[in-house]
Amino acid sequence: MRKHWDVLLSLISKAINNDEIIVMHSHLFTPARINKLIKRLESYDLSFSVITYPRKTSLYEKLSIPFIYLLFQWSFPHLHSDGMTVVIRPLQTHHTN
């Protein structure tokens, strides 16, 4: 799991440094995971803001994710009915003289 976090943080860091806005939707986002993500990004000394929105897990996720788990892991996951949308924006640091 740590490898996934490292890859995610690396991609988000690159996007913030390129002044790109990141929008992520997931049934896996919980308040605790979002706080972990924010703290890890802050440790990279990045300037950004975060907005979160609650969202319902889509029918597509409810149907496809269990199928994928069953196909590859022979198990069924527990899907939360709620997820989050996370928007990360780089803070503008442009100065005018």
Protein backbone atom coordinates (compact mmCIF):
# COMPACT_ATOMS: atom_id res chain seq x y z
CA MET A 1 0.00 0.00 0.00
CA ARG A 2 2.89 2.35 0.73
CA LYS A 3 4.05 2.07 -2.88
CA HIS A 4 0.63 3.24 -4.08
CA TRP A 5 0.76 6.25 -1.74
CA ASP A 6 4.27 7.12 -2.92
CA VAL A 7 3.23 7.02 -6.58
CA LEU A 8 0.09 9.06 -5.87
CA LEU A 9 2.05 11.69 -3.92
CA SER A 10 4.68 11.91 -6.64
CA LEU A 11 2.07 12.49 -9.35
CA ILE A 12 0.18 15.06 -7.28
CA SER A 13 3.43 16.89 -6.42
CA LYS A 14 4.37 17.13 -10.10
CA ALA A 15 0.91 18.45 -10.97
CA ILE A 16 1.02 21.09 -8.21
CA ASN A 17 4.49 22.19 -9.34
CA ASN A 18 3.09 22.56 -12.88
CA ASP A 19 0.17 24.70 -11.59
CA GLU A 20 -2.36 22.01 -12.48
CA ILE A 21 -5.62 21.38 -10.63
CA ILE A 22 -6.17 17.80 -9.49
CA VAL A 23 -9.69 16.36 -9.15
CA MET A 24 -10.02 12.85 -7.71
CA HIS A 25 -13.20 10.85 -7.08
CA SER A 26 -13.07 7.68 -5.05
CA HIS A 27 -15.10 5.39 -2.85
CA LEU A 28 -11.84 4.91 -0.90
CA PHE A 29 -11.56 8.52 0.27
CA THR A 30 -12.47 8.81 3.93
CA PRO A 31 -11.78 11.86 6.12
CA ALA A 32 -8.82 10.00 7.67
CA ARG A 33 -7.28 9.16 4.29
CA ILE A 34 -7.79 12.70 3.03
CA ASN A 35 -6.09 14.09 6.16
CA LYS A 36 -3.21 11.66 5.64
CA LEU A 37 -2.89 12.81 2.03
CA ILE A 38 -2.87 16.49 3.06
CA LYS A 39 -0.25 15.93 5.79
CA ARG A 40 2.02 14.03 3.43
CA LEU A 41 1.72 16.74 0.76
CA GLU A 42 2.46 19.43 3.36
CA SER A 43 5.65 17.58 4.28
CA TYR A 44 6.81 18.14 0.67
CA ASP A 45 6.63 21.92 1.32
CA LEU A 46 4.05 22.47 -1.43
CA SER A 47 1.62 25.41 -1.53
CA PHE A 48 -1.89 24.17 -2.24
CA SER A 49 -5.49 24.26 -1.09
CA VAL A 50 -7.91 21.36 -0.75
CA ILE A 51 -11.68 21.26 -1.17
CA THR A 52 -13.68 18.09 -0.53
CA TYR A 53 -17.21 17.16 -1.53
CA PRO A 54 -19.18 14.13 -0.39
CA ARG A 55 -20.42 11.86 -3.15
CA LYS A 56 -22.41 8.67 -3.42
CA THR A 57 -20.70 5.58 -4.78
CA SER A 58 -21.89 5.22 -8.36
CA LEU A 59 -23.77 2.22 -9.67
CA TYR A 60 -20.83 1.53 -11.98
CA GLU A 61 -18.47 1.30 -8.97
CA LYS A 62 -20.93 -0.84 -7.03
CA LEU A 63 -21.11 -3.32 -9.91
CA SER A 64 -17.61 -3.28 -11.39
CA ILE A 65 -15.41 -3.22 -8.28
CA PRO A 66 -16.81 -6.44 -6.75
CA PHE A 67 -16.48 -8.14 -10.14
CA ILE A 68 -12.81 -7.12 -10.43
CA TYR A 69 -12.07 -8.29 -6.88
CA LEU A 70 -13.80 -11.59 -7.53
CA LEU A 71 -11.95 -12.07 -10.80
CA PHE A 72 -8.46 -11.35 -9.43
CA GLN A 73 -8.64 -12.06 -5.69
CA TRP A 74 -11.55 -14.49 -5.26
CA SER A 75 -13.08 -12.25 -2.61
CA PHE A 76 -15.72 -9.56 -2.30
CA PRO A 77 -14.79 -6.08 -1.03
CA HIS A 78 -16.84 -4.01 1.36
CA LEU A 79 -17.87 -0.88 -0.56
CA HIS A 80 -18.88 2.24 1.29
CA SER A 81 -22.03 3.87 -0.01
CA ASP A 82 -20.34 7.26 0.33
CA GLY A 83 -17.05 8.49 -1.04
CA MET A 84 -15.42 11.85 -1.55
CA THR A 85 -14.34 14.11 -4.34
CA VAL A 86 -11.06 15.86 -3.57
CA VAL A 87 -9.94 18.97 -5.45
CA ILE A 88 -6.32 20.08 -4.94
CA ARG A 89 -5.31 23.48 -6.31
CA PRO A 90 -1.84 24.97 -6.33
CA LEU A 91 -1.70 28.33 -4.58
CA GLN A 92 -0.71 31.17 -6.84
CA THR A 93 2.72 32.43 -5.87
CA HIS A 94 3.21 34.89 -8.71
CA HIS A 95 4.41 38.29 -7.54
CA THR A 96 4.17 41.56 -9.43
CA ASN A 97 6.68 44.36 -8.96
